[in-house]
Amino acid sequence: MGFWSKLFGTTSSSFQIGLGDANALSAVRRGDSLLADDPTDVGTSYAQTWTGRQLTQETWSRADGTACKAIAYVYTGLFVSSAVTRVYASDGATVVAQKTESYAYAPIAGLGSYAYPTITTTRDA
C-alpha cells in the first residue's frame, strides 16, 4: 500500500515475496517487487515515525532487526513533496533497490483546494 492508499484507506492487491533467497537475480526482482509492495513475511515488523501530524518515515524490519524496506517522506507545507523508497539486502544496510517519487499539486479551478498530485517516479538504484 502506498502513501495515498494508506491516507485514504483504499487497498490494492499484492502478493507475498520471500526475503530469504540469496540468489542475486532473485534479489533484484524482489527489490523491484518491494518497491511497490510492502513486506508481508512472518516476523517482519512495521513502524511509523511522525512529526506532529505528518508521517515522515515508514520502516519494515526483519525478525533479526535488520532493515528490510524504508520510505522517507519530505513535506512542503502540509503536502508531501517527495518520497524515497529503499529496499535493503539481508545485511540491512546495502540498498538493492531505490525509487524517488516527486509530487506536484495543481489547484482545482474555482474550488480553492488541491487535486490529487501528479506523481513522477524515478528508479534510482
PDB file of N, CA and C in Angstrom:
ATOM      1  N   MET A   1       0.834  -1.174   0.000  1.00  0.00           N
ATOM      2  CA  MET A   1       0.000   0.000   0.000  1.00  0.00           C
ATOM      3  C   MET A   1       0.875   1.233   0.000  1.00  0.00           C
ATOM      4  N   GLY A   2       0.646   2.154  -0.867  1.00  0.00           N
ATOM      5  CA  GLY A   2       1.410   3.388  -0.916  1.00  0.00           C
ATOM      6  C   GLY A   2       0.846   4.444   0.018  1.00  0.00           C
ATOM      7  N   PHE A   3       1.508   5.584   0.035  1.00  0.00           N
ATOM      8  CA  PHE A   3       1.115   6.681   0.923  1.00  0.00           C
ATOM      9  C   PHE A   3      -0.352   7.065   0.737  1.00  0.00           C
ATOM     10  N   TRP A   4      -0.771   7.267  -0.514  1.00  0.00           N
ATOM     11  CA  TRP A   4      -2.144   7.716  -0.758  1.00  0.00           C
ATOM     12  C   TRP A   4      -3.152   6.640  -0.411  1.00  0.00           C
ATOM     13  N   SER A   5      -2.811   5.375  -0.649  1.00  0.00           N
ATOM     14  CA  SER A   5      -3.712   4.289  -0.272  1.00  0.00           C
ATOM     15  C   SER A   5      -3.918   4.268   1.232  1.00  0.00           C
ATOM     16  N   LYS A   6      -2.824   4.462   1.985  1.00  0.00           N
ATOM     17  CA  LYS A   6      -2.929   4.466   3.438  1.00  0.00           C
ATOM     18  C   LYS A   6      -3.701   5.681   3.933  1.00  0.00           C
ATOM     19  N   LEU A   7      -3.449   6.819   3.293  1.00  0.00           N
ATOM     20  CA  LEU A   7      -4.104   8.048   3.703  1.00  0.00           C
ATOM     21  C   LEU A   7      -5.615   7.977   3.493  1.00  0.00           C
ATOM     22  N   PHE A   8      -6.025   7.428   2.348  1.00  0.00           N
ATOM     23  CA  PHE A   8      -7.450   7.406   2.026  1.00  0.00           C
ATOM     24  C   PHE A   8      -8.118   6.065   2.297  1.00  0.00           C
ATOM     25  N   GLY A   9      -7.384   5.109   2.851  1.00  0.00           N
ATOM     26  CA  GLY A   9      -7.984   3.855   3.272  1.00  0.00           C
ATOM     27  C   GLY A   9      -8.348   2.904   2.147  1.00  0.00           C
ATOM     28  N   THR A  10      -7.778   3.088   0.963  1.00  0.00           N
ATOM     29  CA  THR A  10      -8.048   2.157  -0.119  1.00  0.00           C
ATOM     30  C   THR A  10      -7.044   1.023  -0.052  1.00  0.00           C
ATOM     31  N   THR A  11      -7.338  -0.067  -0.717  1.00  0.00           N
ATOM     32  CA  THR A  11      -6.423  -1.196  -0.723  1.00  0.00           C
ATOM     33  C   THR A  11      -6.053  -1.552  -2.146  1.00  0.00           C
ATOM     34  N   SER A  12      -4.936  -2.207  -2.268  1.00  0.00           N
ATOM     35  CA  SER A  12      -4.528  -2.708  -3.572  1.00  0.00           C
ATOM     36  C   SER A  12      -4.134  -4.158  -3.403  1.00  0.00           C
ATOM     37  N   SER A  13      -4.266  -4.927  -4.464  1.00  0.00           N
ATOM     38  CA  SER A  13      -3.876  -6.323  -4.360  1.00  0.00           C
ATOM     39  C   SER A  13      -2.360  -6.419  -4.439  1.00  0.00           C
ATOM     40  N   SER A  14      -1.799  -7.340  -3.699  1.00  0.00           N
ATOM     41  CA  SER A  14      -0.365  -7.559  -3.738  1.00  0.00           C
ATOM     42  C   SER A  14      -0.117  -9.047  -3.534  1.00  0.00           C
ATOM     43  N   PHE A  15       1.113  -9.451  -3.662  1.00  0.00           N
ATOM     44  CA  PHE A  15       1.440 -10.841  -3.447  1.00  0.00           C
ATOM     45  C   PHE A  15       2.638 -10.918  -2.533  1.00  0.00           C
ATOM     46  N   GLN A  16       2.800 -12.061  -1.871  1.00  0.00           N
ATOM     47  CA  GLN A  16       3.896 -12.202  -0.929  1.00  0.00           C
ATOM     48  C   GLN A  16       5.185 -12.511  -1.662  1.00  0.00           C
ATOM     49  N   ILE A  17       6.251 -11.894  -1.210  1.00  0.00           N
ATOM     50  CA  ILE A  17       7.570 -12.097  -1.773  1.00  0.00           C
ATOM     51  C   ILE A  17       8.472 -12.595  -0.651  1.00  0.00           C
ATOM     52  N   GLY A  18       9.161 -13.696  -0.881  1.00  0.00           N
ATOM     53  CA  GLY A  18      10.084 -14.227   0.117  1.00  0.00           C
ATOM     54  C   GLY A  18      11.325 -13.375   0.223  1.00  0.00           C
ATOM     55  N   LEU A  19      11.837 -13.180   1.429  1.00  0.00           N
ATOM     56  CA  LEU A  19      13.014 -12.344   1.642  1.00  0.00           C
ATOM     57  C   LEU A  19      14.277 -13.159   1.874  1.00  0.00           C
ATOM     58  N   GLY A  20      14.172 -14.482   1.911  1.00  0.00           N
ATOM     59  CA  GLY A  20      15.318 -15.296   2.286  1.00  0.00           C
ATOM     60  C   GLY A  20      16.169 -15.781   1.130  1.00  0.00           C
ATOM     61  N   ASP A  21      15.782 -15.572  -0.107  1.00  0.00           N
ATOM     62  CA  ASP A  21      16.516 -16.080  -1.254  1.00  0.00           C
ATOM     63  C   ASP A  21      17.795 -15.279  -1.466  1.00  0.00           C
ATOM     64  N   ALA A  22      18.941 -15.941  -1.502  1.00  0.00           N
ATOM     65  CA  ALA A  22      20.221 -15.254  -1.655  1.00  0.00           C
ATOM     66  C   ALA A  22      20.617 -15.069  -3.113  1.00  0.00           C
ATOM     67  N   ASN A  23      19.870 -15.650  -4.043  1.00  0.00           N
ATOM     68  CA  ASN A  23      20.186 -15.543  -5.467  1.00  0.00           C
ATOM     69  C   ASN A  23      20.161 -14.073  -5.889  1.00  0.00           C
ATOM     70  N   ALA A  24      21.240 -13.594  -6.522  1.00  0.00           N
ATOM     71  CA  ALA A  24      21.356 -12.170  -6.873  1.00  0.00           C
ATOM     72  C   ALA A  24      20.246 -11.720  -7.813  1.00  0.00           C
ATOM     73  N   LEU A  25      19.939 -12.501  -8.843  1.00  0.00           N
ATOM     74  CA  LEU A  25      18.874 -12.118  -9.767  1.00  0.00           C
ATOM     75  C   LEU A  25      17.551 -12.051  -9.029  1.00  0.00           C
ATOM     76  N   SER A  26      17.316 -13.008  -8.163  1.00  0.00           N
ATOM     77  CA  SER A  26      16.090 -13.011  -7.369  1.00  0.00           C
ATOM     78  C   SER A  26      16.038 -11.770  -6.476  1.00  0.00           C
ATOM     79  N   ALA A  27      17.190 -11.364  -5.932  1.00  0.00           N
ATOM     80  CA  ALA A  27      17.224 -10.182  -5.060  1.00  0.00           C
ATOM     81  C   ALA A  27      16.826  -8.937  -5.826  1.00  0.00           C
ATOM     82  N   VAL A  28      17.265  -8.823  -7.084  1.00  0.00           N
ATOM     83  CA  VAL A  28      16.874  -7.673  -7.897  1.00  0.00           C
ATOM     84  C   VAL A  28      15.377  -7.691  -8.138  1.00  0.00           C
ATOM     85  N   ARG A  29      14.843  -8.834  -8.516  1.00  0.00           N
ATOM     86  CA  ARG A  29      13.392  -8.938  -8.741  1.00  0.00           C
ATOM     87  C   ARG A  29      12.634  -8.653  -7.456  1.00  0.00           C
ATOM     88  N   ARG A  30      13.126  -9.189  -6.338  1.00  0.00           N
ATOM     89  CA  ARG A  30      12.477  -8.963  -5.052  1.00  0.00           C
ATOM     90  C   ARG A  30      12.500  -7.471  -4.735  1.00  0.00           C
ATOM     91  N   GLY A  31      13.616  -6.816  -5.006  1.00  0.00           N
ATOM     92  CA  GLY A  31      13.712  -5.378  -4.769  1.00  0.00           C
ATOM     93  C   GLY A  31      12.688  -4.616  -5.575  1.00  0.00           C
ATOM     94  N   ASP A  32      12.525  -4.982  -6.852  1.00  0.00           N
ATOM     95  CA  ASP A  32      11.516  -4.334  -7.688  1.00  0.00           C
ATOM     96  C   ASP A  32      10.128  -4.525  -7.095  1.00  0.00           C
ATOM     97  N   SER A  33       9.826  -5.732  -6.671  1.00  0.00           N
ATOM     98  CA  SER A  33       8.501  -6.004  -6.104  1.00  0.00           C
ATOM     99  C   SER A  33       8.293  -5.233  -4.812  1.00  0.00           C
ATOM    100  N   LEU A  34       9.318  -5.183  -3.976  1.00  0.00           N
ATOM    101  CA  LEU A  34       9.176  -4.500  -2.688  1.00  0.00           C
ATOM    102  C   LEU A  34       9.169  -2.986  -2.808  1.00  0.00           C
ATOM    103  N   LEU A  35       9.605  -2.448  -3.959  1.00  0.00           N
ATOM    104  CA  LEU A  35       9.428  -1.014  -4.166  1.00  0.00           C
ATOM    105  C   LEU A  35       7.943  -0.684  -4.257  1.00  0.00           C
ATOM    106  N   ALA A  36       7.158  -1.607  -4.799  1.00  0.00           N
ATOM    107  CA  ALA A  36       5.727  -1.386  -4.978  1.00  0.00           C
ATOM    108  C   ALA A  36       4.889  -1.986  -3.852  1.00  0.00           C
ATOM    109  N   ASP A  37       5.308  -3.113  -3.307  1.00  0.00           N
ATOM    110  CA  ASP A  37       4.525  -3.827  -2.299  1.00  0.00           C
ATOM    111  C   ASP A  37       5.232  -3.819  -0.952  1.00  0.00           C
ATOM    112  N   ASP A  38       4.455  -3.899   0.106  1.00  0.00           N
ATOM    113  CA  ASP A  38       5.017  -3.921   1.442  1.00  0.00           C
ATOM    114  C   ASP A  38       5.375  -5.354   1.838  1.00  0.00           C
ATOM    115  N   PRO A  39       6.444  -5.543   2.610  1.00  0.00           N
ATOM    116  CA  PRO A  39       6.829  -6.883   3.053  1.00  0.00           C
ATOM    117  C   PRO A  39       5.729  -7.520   3.897  1.00  0.00           C
ATOM    118  N   THR A  40       5.474  -8.786   3.648  1.00  0.00           N
ATOM    119  CA  THR A  40       4.423  -9.483   4.394  1.00  0.00           C
ATOM    120  C   THR A  40       4.933 -10.764   5.034  1.00  0.00           C
ATOM    121  N   ASP A  41       6.244 -10.977   5.031  1.00  0.00           N
ATOM    122  CA  ASP A  41       6.809 -12.191   5.604  1.00  0.00           C
ATOM    123  C   ASP A  41       6.509 -12.280   7.089  1.00  0.00           C
ATOM    124  N   VAL A  42       6.361 -13.506   7.583  1.00  0.00           N
ATOM    125  CA  VAL A  42       6.174 -13.733   9.004  1.00  0.00           C
ATOM    126  C   VAL A  42       7.416 -13.223   9.729  1.00  0.00           C
ATOM    127  N   GLY A  43       7.225 -12.478  10.791  1.00  0.00           N
ATOM    128  CA  GLY A  43       8.345 -11.947  11.553  1.00  0.00           C
ATOM    129  C   GLY A  43       8.758 -10.551  11.142  1.00  0.00           C
ATOM    130  N   THR A  44       8.198 -10.023  10.069  1.00  0.00           N
ATOM    131  CA  THR A  44       8.521  -8.670   9.642  1.00  0.00           C
ATOM    132  C   THR A  44       7.726  -7.685  10.486  1.00  0.00           C
ATOM    133  N   SER A  45       8.409  -6.690  11.045  1.00  0.00           N
ATOM    134  CA  SER A  45       7.717  -5.689  11.855  1.00  0.00           C
ATOM    135  C   SER A  45       7.643  -4.375  11.086  1.00  0.00           C
ATOM    136  N   TYR A  46       6.700  -3.545  11.483  1.00  0.00           N
ATOM    137  CA  TYR A  46       6.425  -2.284  10.805  1.00  0.00           C
ATOM    138  C   TYR A  46       6.374  -1.171  11.835  1.00  0.00           C
ATOM    139  N   ALA A  47       6.986  -0.025  11.508  1.00  0.00           N
ATOM    140  CA  ALA A  47       6.956   1.131  12.410  1.00  0.00           C
ATOM    141  C   ALA A  47       6.769   2.402  11.600  1.00  0.00           C
ATOM    142  N   GLN A  48       6.144   3.388  12.226  1.00  0.00           N
ATOM    143  CA  GLN A  48       5.945   4.701  11.617  1.00  0.00           C
ATOM    144  C   GLN A  48       6.606   5.763  12.489  1.00  0.00           C
ATOM    145  N   THR A  49       7.136   6.797  11.823  1.00  0.00           N
ATOM    146  CA  THR A  49       7.674   7.956  12.536  1.00  0.00           C
ATOM    147  C   THR A  49       6.837   9.161  12.123  1.00  0.00           C
ATOM    148  N   TRP A  50       6.343   9.875  13.111  1.00  0.00           N
ATOM    149  CA  TRP A  50       5.508  11.051  12.865  1.00  0.00           C
ATOM    150  C   TRP A  50       6.195  12.281  13.428  1.00  0.00           C
ATOM    151  N   THR A  51       6.079  13.388  12.715  1.00  0.00           N
ATOM    152  CA  THR A  51       6.488  14.689  13.217  1.00  0.00           C
ATOM    153  C   THR A  51       5.216  15.521  13.234  1.00  0.00           C
ATOM    154  N   GLY A  52       4.676  15.705  14.417  1.00  0.00           N
ATOM    155  CA  GLY A  52       3.366  16.351  14.515  1.00  0.00           C
ATOM    156  C   GLY A  52       2.331  15.470  13.836  1.00  0.00           C
ATOM    157  N   ARG A  53       1.650  16.005  12.825  1.00  0.00           N
ATOM    158  CA  ARG A  53       0.620  15.262  12.101  1.00  0.00           C
ATOM    159  C   ARG A  53       1.123  14.723  10.762  1.00  0.00           C
ATOM    160  N   GLN A  54       2.432  14.783  10.556  1.00  0.00           N
ATOM    161  CA  GLN A  54       2.994  14.343   9.282  1.00  0.00           C
ATOM    162  C   GLN A  54       3.759  13.033   9.447  1.00  0.00           C
ATOM    163  N   LEU A  55       3.392  12.056   8.619  1.00  0.00           N
ATOM    164  CA  LEU A  55       4.106  10.794   8.561  1.00  0.00           C
ATOM    165  C   LEU A  55       5.417  11.045   7.817  1.00  0.00           C
ATOM    166  N   THR A  56       6.547  10.866   8.488  1.00  0.00           N
ATOM    167  CA  THR A  56       7.837  11.185   7.870  1.00  0.00           C
ATOM    168  C   THR A  56       8.651   9.951   7.511  1.00  0.00           C
ATOM    169  N   GLN A  57       8.346   8.803   8.102  1.00  0.00           N
ATOM    170  CA  GLN A  57       9.120   7.589   7.820  1.00  0.00           C
ATOM    171  C   GLN A  57       8.270   6.359   8.091  1.00  0.00           C
ATOM    172  N   GLU A  58       8.373   5.392   7.193  1.00  0.00           N
ATOM    173  CA  GLU A  58       7.814   4.063   7.411  1.00  0.00           C
ATOM    174  C   GLU A  58       8.976   3.093   7.306  1.00  0.00           C
ATOM    175  N   THR A  59       9.040   2.134   8.232  1.00  0.00           N
ATOM    176  CA  THR A  59      10.143   1.192   8.256  1.00  0.00           C
ATOM    177  C   THR A  59       9.635  -0.224   8.491  1.00  0.00           C
ATOM    178  N   TRP A  60      10.137  -1.152   7.683  1.00  0.00           N
ATOM    179  CA  TRP A  60       9.870  -2.574   7.868  1.00  0.00           C
ATOM    180  C   TRP A  60      11.188  -3.225   8.244  1.00  0.00           C
ATOM    181  N   SER A  61      11.175  -4.068   9.273  1.00  0.00           N
ATOM    182  CA  SER A  61      12.377  -4.756   9.730  1.00  0.00           C
ATOM    183  C   SER A  61      12.127  -6.251   9.773  1.00  0.00           C
ATOM    184  N   ARG A  62      13.192  -7.021   9.543  1.00  0.00           N
ATOM    185  CA  ARG A  62      13.122  -8.474   9.641  1.00  0.00           C
ATOM    186  C   ARG A  62      13.118  -8.884  11.114  1.00  0.00           C
ATOM    187  N   ALA A  63      12.864 -10.145  11.359  1.00  0.00           N
ATOM    188  CA  ALA A  63      12.821 -10.666  12.725  1.00  0.00           C
ATOM    189  C   ALA A  63      14.134 -10.444  13.469  1.00  0.00           C
ATOM    190  N   ASP A  64      15.268 -10.428  12.740  1.00  0.00           N
ATOM    191  CA  ASP A  64      16.566 -10.218  13.394  1.00  0.00           C
ATOM    192  C   ASP A  64      16.878  -8.739  13.623  1.00  0.00           C
ATOM    193  N   GLY A  65      15.953  -7.843  13.253  1.00  0.00           N
ATOM    194  CA  GLY A  65      16.113  -6.413  13.491  1.00  0.00           C
ATOM    195  C   GLY A  65      16.731  -5.640  12.337  1.00  0.00           C
ATOM    196  N   THR A  66      17.219  -6.322  11.300  1.00  0.00           N
ATOM    197  CA  THR A  66      17.809  -5.609  10.159  1.00  0.00           C
ATOM    198  C   THR A  66      16.714  -4.977   9.318  1.00  0.00           C
ATOM    199  N   ALA A  67      17.045  -3.844   8.715  1.00  0.00           N
ATOM    200  CA  ALA A  67      16.084  -3.128   7.874  1.00  0.00           C
ATOM    201  C   ALA A  67      15.765  -3.939   6.622  1.00  0.00           C
ATOM    202  N   CYS A  68      14.524  -3.894   6.215  1.00  0.00           N
ATOM    203  CA  CYS A  68      14.068  -4.579   5.014  1.00  0.00           C
ATOM    204  C   CYS A  68      13.652  -3.552   3.964  1.00  0.00           C
ATOM    205  N   LYS A  69      12.846  -2.571   4.385  1.00  0.00           N
ATOM    206  CA  LYS A  69      12.342  -1.530   3.493  1.00  0.00           C
ATOM    207  C   LYS A  69      12.095  -0.282   4.316  1.00  0.00           C
ATOM    208  N   ALA A  70      12.307   0.876   3.693  1.00  0.00           N
ATOM    209  CA  ALA A  70      12.013   2.147   4.361  1.00  0.00           C
ATOM    210  C   ALA A  70      11.502   3.141   3.335  1.00  0.00           C
ATOM    211  N   ILE A  71      10.561   3.965   3.759  1.00  0.00           N
ATOM    212  CA  ILE A  71      10.059   5.056   2.933  1.00  0.00           C
ATOM    213  C   ILE A  71      10.185   6.334   3.748  1.00  0.00           C
ATOM    214  N   ALA A  72      10.903   7.320   3.194  1.00  0.00           N
ATOM    215  CA  ALA A  72      11.077   8.619   3.849  1.00  0.00           C
ATOM    216  C   ALA A  72      10.268   9.658   3.082  1.00  0.00           C
ATOM    217  N   TYR A  73       9.434  10.422   3.790  1.00  0.00           N
ATOM    218  CA  TYR A  73       8.577  11.437   3.181  1.00  0.00           C
ATOM    219  C   TYR A  73       9.107  12.829   3.518  1.00  0.00           C
ATOM    220  N   VAL A  74       9.117  13.701   2.507  1.00  0.00           N
ATOM    221  CA  VAL A  74       9.505  15.100   2.687  1.00  0.00           C
ATOM    222  C   VAL A  74       8.277  15.949   2.369  1.00  0.00           C
ATOM    223  N   TYR A  75       8.040  16.969   3.175  1.00  0.00           N
ATOM    224  CA  TYR A  75       6.860  17.814   3.023  1.00  0.00           C
ATOM    225  C   TYR A  75       7.243  19.231   2.633  1.00  0.00           C
ATOM    226  N   THR A  76       6.361  19.854   1.869  1.00  0.00           N
ATOM    227  CA  THR A  76       6.389  21.284   1.629  1.00  0.00           C
ATOM    228  C   THR A  76       5.064  21.794   2.183  1.00  0.00           C
ATOM    229  N   GLY A  77       5.134  22.498   3.301  1.00  0.00           N
ATOM    230  CA  GLY A  77       3.897  22.885   3.978  1.00  0.00           C
ATOM    231  C   GLY A  77       3.180  21.645   4.480  1.00  0.00           C
ATOM    232  N   LEU A  78       1.918  21.502   4.105  1.00  0.00           N
ATOM    233  CA  LEU A  78       1.124  20.353   4.534  1.00  0.00           C
ATOM    234  C   LEU A  78       1.156  19.185   3.551  1.00  0.00           C
ATOM    235  N   PHE A  79       1.816  19.380   2.423  1.00  0.00           N
ATOM    236  CA  PHE A  79       1.761  18.390   1.357  1.00  0.00           C
ATOM    237  C   PHE A  79       3.072  17.630   1.207  1.00  0.00           C
ATOM    238  N   VAL A  80       2.968  16.331   0.901  1.00  0.00           N
ATOM    239  CA  VAL A  80       4.153  15.524   0.605  1.00  0.00           C
ATOM    240  C   VAL A  80       4.740  16.027  -0.706  1.00  0.00           C
ATOM    241  N   SER A  81       6.031  16.347  -0.699  1.00  0.00           N
ATOM    242  CA  SER A  81       6.682  16.792  -1.932  1.00  0.00           C
ATOM    243  C   SER A  81       7.526  15.689  -2.555  1.00  0.00           C
ATOM    244  N   SER A  82       8.002  14.743  -1.725  1.00  0.00           N
ATOM    245  CA  SER A  82       8.733  13.601  -2.273  1.00  0.00           C
ATOM    246  C   SER A  82       8.708  12.443  -1.287  1.00  0.00           C
ATOM    247  N   ALA A  83       8.912  11.258  -1.841  1.00  0.00           N
ATOM    248  CA  ALA A  83       9.014  10.042  -1.044  1.00  0.00           C
ATOM    249  C   ALA A  83      10.128   9.193  -1.647  1.00  0.00           C
ATOM    250  N   VAL A  84      11.075   8.793  -0.802  1.00  0.00           N
ATOM    251  CA  VAL A  84      12.175   7.940  -1.250  1.00  0.00           C
ATOM    252  C   VAL A  84      11.981   6.570  -0.617  1.00  0.00           C
ATOM    253  N   THR A  85      11.850   5.552  -1.464  1.00  0.00           N
ATOM    254  CA  THR A  85      11.664   4.181  -1.012  1.00  0.00           C
ATOM    255  C   THR A  85      12.958   3.418  -1.237  1.00  0.00           C
ATOM    256  N   ARG A  86      13.424   2.754  -0.196  1.00  0.00           N
ATOM    257  CA  ARG A  86      14.636   1.935  -0.288  1.00  0.00           C
ATOM    258  C   ARG A  86      14.329   0.515   0.170  1.00  0.00           C
ATOM    259  N   VAL A  87      14.878  -0.459  -0.558  1.00  0.00           N
ATOM    260  CA  VAL A  87      14.785  -1.865  -0.184  1.00  0.00           C
ATOM    261  C   VAL A  87      16.209  -2.328   0.101  1.00  0.00           C
ATOM    262  N   TYR A  88      16.383  -3.022   1.228  1.00  0.00           N
ATOM    263  CA  TYR A  88      17.717  -3.398   1.692  1.00  0.00           C
ATOM    264  C   TYR A  88      17.974  -4.890   1.526  1.00  0.00           C
ATOM    265  N   ALA A  89      19.252  -5.231   1.314  1.00  0.00           N
ATOM    266  CA  ALA A  89      19.695  -6.626   1.286  1.00  0.00           C
ATOM    267  C   ALA A  89      19.587  -7.199   2.699  1.00  0.00           C
ATOM    268  N   SER A  90      19.876  -8.480   2.847  1.00  0.00           N
ATOM    269  CA  SER A  90      19.714  -9.143   4.139  1.00  0.00           C
ATOM    270  C   SER A  90      20.609  -8.577   5.240  1.00  0.00           C
ATOM    271  N   ASP A  91      21.670  -7.810   4.870  1.00  0.00           N
ATOM    272  CA  ASP A  91      22.514  -7.196   5.905  1.00  0.00           C
ATOM    273  C   ASP A  91      21.855  -5.957   6.514  1.00  0.00           C
ATOM    274  N   GLY A  92      20.754  -5.484   5.917  1.00  0.00           N
ATOM    275  CA  GLY A  92      20.018  -4.344   6.448  1.00  0.00           C
ATOM    276  C   GLY A  92      20.627  -2.999   6.129  1.00  0.00           C
ATOM    277  N   ALA A  93      21.746  -2.978   5.375  1.00  0.00           N
ATOM    278  CA  ALA A  93      22.417  -1.718   5.066  1.00  0.00           C
ATOM    279  C   ALA A  93      22.583  -1.492   3.565  1.00  0.00           C
ATOM    280  N   THR A  94      22.816  -2.559   2.811  1.00  0.00           N
ATOM    281  CA  THR A  94      23.041  -2.445   1.372  1.00  0.00           C
ATOM    282  C   THR A  94      21.717  -2.218   0.655  1.00  0.00           C
ATOM    283  N   VAL A  95      21.619  -1.121  -0.103  1.00  0.00           N
ATOM    284  CA  VAL A  95      20.401  -0.807  -0.846  1.00  0.00           C
ATOM    285  C   VAL A  95      20.399  -1.615  -2.145  1.00  0.00           C
ATOM    286  N   VAL A  96      19.366  -2.449  -2.338  1.00  0.00           N
ATOM    287  CA  VAL A  96      19.263  -3.244  -3.568  1.00  0.00           C
ATOM    288  C   VAL A  96      18.301  -2.620  -4.567  1.00  0.00           C
ATOM    289  N   ALA A  97      17.446  -1.730  -4.101  1.00  0.00           N
ATOM    290  CA  ALA A  97      16.516  -1.028  -4.989  1.00  0.00           C
ATOM    291  C   ALA A  97      16.107   0.277  -4.325  1.00  0.00           C
ATOM    292  N   GLN A  98      15.951   1.310  -5.145  1.00  0.00           N
ATOM    293  CA  GLN A  98      15.528   2.614  -4.620  1.00  0.00           C
ATOM    294  C   GLN A  98      14.758   3.353  -5.686  1.00  0.00           C
ATOM    295  N   LYS A  99      13.701   4.032  -5.249  1.00  0.00           N
ATOM    296  CA  LYS A  99      12.964   4.908  -6.161  1.00  0.00           C
ATOM    297  C   LYS A  99      12.620   6.193  -5.436  1.00  0.00           C
ATOM    298  N   THR A 100      12.480   7.263  -6.215  1.00  0.00           N
ATOM    299  CA  THR A 100      12.074   8.554  -5.684  1.00  0.00           C
ATOM    300  C   THR A 100      10.790   8.967  -6.388  1.00  0.00           C
ATOM    301  N   GLU A 101       9.809   9.349  -5.606  1.00  0.00           N
ATOM    302  CA  GLU A 101       8.560   9.870  -6.139  1.00  0.00           C
ATOM    303  C   GLU A 101       8.488  11.356  -5.815  1.00  0.00           C
ATOM    304  N   SER A 102       8.265  12.172  -6.834  1.00  0.00           N
ATOM    305  CA  SER A 102       8.110  13.614  -6.651  1.00  0.00           C
ATOM    306  C   SER A 102       6.646  13.964  -6.896  1.00  0.00           C
ATOM    307  N   TYR A 103       6.074  14.753  -6.006  1.00  0.00           N
ATOM    308  CA  TYR A 103       4.654  15.083  -6.061  1.00  0.00           C
ATOM    309  C   TYR A 103       4.476  16.544  -6.457  1.00  0.00           C
ATOM    310  N   ALA A 104       3.596  16.794  -7.427  1.00  0.00           N
ATOM    311  CA  ALA A 104       3.257  18.163  -7.845  1.00  0.00           C
ATOM    312  C   ALA A 104       1.745  18.310  -7.742  1.00  0.00           C
ATOM    313  N   TYR A 105       1.296  19.357  -7.110  1.00  0.00           N
ATOM    314  CA  TYR A 105      -0.125  19.570  -6.872  1.00  0.00           C
ATOM    315  C   TYR A 105      -0.646  20.718  -7.727  1.00  0.00           C
ATOM    316  N   ALA A 106      -1.841  20.549  -8.245  1.00  0.00           N
ATOM    317  CA  ALA A 106      -2.470  21.587  -9.061  1.00  0.00           C
ATOM    318  C   ALA A 106      -3.795  21.976  -8.423  1.00  0.00           C
ATOM    319  N   PRO A 107      -4.062  23.263  -8.296  1.00  0.00           N
ATOM    320  CA  PRO A 107      -5.342  23.676  -7.703  1.00  0.00           C
ATOM    321  C   PRO A 107      -6.512  23.316  -8.611  1.00  0.00           C
ATOM    322  N   ILE A 108      -7.652  23.031  -8.002  1.00  0.00           N
ATOM    323  CA  ILE A 108      -8.881  22.774  -8.748  1.00  0.00           C
ATOM    324  C   ILE A 108      -9.540  24.135  -8.990  1.00  0.00           C
ATOM    325  N   ALA A 109      -9.755  24.469 -10.230  1.00  0.00           N
ATOM    326  CA  ALA A 109     -10.319  25.779 -10.592  1.00  0.00           C
ATOM    327  C   ALA A 109     -11.644  26.013  -9.871  1.00  0.00           C
ATOM    328  N   GLY A 110     -11.742  27.172  -9.234  1.00  0.00           N
ATOM    329  CA  GLY A 110     -12.984  27.575  -8.595  1.00  0.00           C
ATOM    330  C   GLY A 110     -13.239  26.981  -7.226  1.00  0.00           C
ATOM    331  N   LEU A 111     -12.458  26.004  -6.805  1.00  0.00           N
ATOM    332  CA  LEU A 111     -12.704  25.378  -5.513  1.00  0.00           C
ATOM    333  C   LEU A 111     -11.723  25.833  -4.432  1.00  0.00           C
ATOM    334  N   GLY A 112     -10.582  26.367  -4.861  1.00  0.00           N
ATOM    335  CA  GLY A 112      -9.598  26.820  -3.890  1.00  0.00           C
ATOM    336  C   GLY A 112      -8.934  25.693  -3.125  1.00  0.00           C
ATOM    337  N   SER A 113      -9.083  24.463  -3.585  1.00  0.00           N
ATOM    338  CA  SER A 113      -8.413  23.336  -2.929  1.00  0.00           C
ATOM    339  C   SER A 113      -7.538  22.623  -3.954  1.00  0.00           C
ATOM    340  N   TYR A 114      -6.884  21.584  -3.502  1.00  0.00           N
ATOM    341  CA  TYR A 114      -5.937  20.900  -4.371  1.00  0.00           C
ATOM    342  C   TYR A 114      -6.425  19.510  -4.773  1.00  0.00           C
ATOM    343  N   ALA A 115      -6.096  19.129  -5.988  1.00  0.00           N
ATOM    344  CA  ALA A 115      -6.451  17.810  -6.507  1.00  0.00           C
ATOM    345  C   ALA A 115      -5.412  16.789  -6.060  1.00  0.00           C
ATOM    346  N   TYR A 116      -5.642  15.537  -6.413  1.00  0.00           N
ATOM    347  CA  TYR A 116      -4.617  14.525  -6.206  1.00  0.00           C
ATOM    348  C   TYR A 116      -3.356  14.980  -6.926  1.00  0.00           C
ATOM    349  N   PRO A 117      -2.215  14.591  -6.425  1.00  0.00           N
ATOM    350  CA  PRO A 117      -0.968  15.058  -7.039  1.00  0.00           C
ATOM    351  C   PRO A 117      -0.646  14.327  -8.335  1.00  0.00           C
ATOM    352  N   THR A 118       0.155  14.982  -9.137  1.00  0.00           N
ATOM    353  CA  THR A 118       0.806  14.319 -10.250  1.00  0.00           C
ATOM    354  C   THR A 118       2.106  13.774  -9.692  1.00  0.00           C
ATOM    355  N   ILE A 119       2.340  12.468  -9.871  1.00  0.00           N
ATOM    356  CA  ILE A 119       3.489  11.826  -9.266  1.00  0.00           C
ATOM    357  C   ILE A 119       4.480  11.424 -10.365  1.00  0.00           C
ATOM    358  N   THR A 120       5.712  11.860 -10.217  1.00  0.00           N
ATOM    359  CA  THR A 120       6.788  11.468 -11.130  1.00  0.00           C
ATOM    360  C   THR A 120       7.701  10.514 -10.379  1.00  0.00           C
ATOM    361  N   THR A 121       7.884   9.313 -10.922  1.00  0.00           N
ATOM    362  CA  THR A 121       8.686   8.292 -10.256  1.00  0.00           C
ATOM    363  C   THR A 121       9.959   8.039 -11.048  1.00  0.00           C
ATOM    364  N   THR A 122      11.080   8.019 -10.349  1.00  0.00           N
ATOM    365  CA  THR A 122      12.352   7.661 -10.968  1.00  0.00           C
ATOM    366  C   THR A 122      12.970   6.510 -10.208  1.00  0.00           C
ATOM    367  N   ARG A 123      13.560   5.570 -10.931  1.00  0.00           N
ATOM    368  CA  ARG A 123      14.263   4.430 -10.321  1.00  0.00           C
ATOM    369  C   ARG A 123      15.708   4.861 -10.138  1.00  0.00           C
ATOM    370  N   ASP A 124      16.157   4.955  -8.894  1.00  0.00           N
ATOM    371  CA  ASP A 124      17.491   5.454  -8.594  1.00  0.00           C
ATOM    372  C   ASP A 124      18.533   4.344  -8.476  1.00  0.00           C
ATOM    373  N   ALA A 125      18.128   3.182  -8.059  1.00  0.00           N
ATOM    374  CA  ALA A 125      19.083   2.065  -7.889  1.00  0.00           C
ATOM    375  C   ALA A 125      18.378   0.767  -8.148  1.00  0.00           C
TER     376      ALA A 125
END
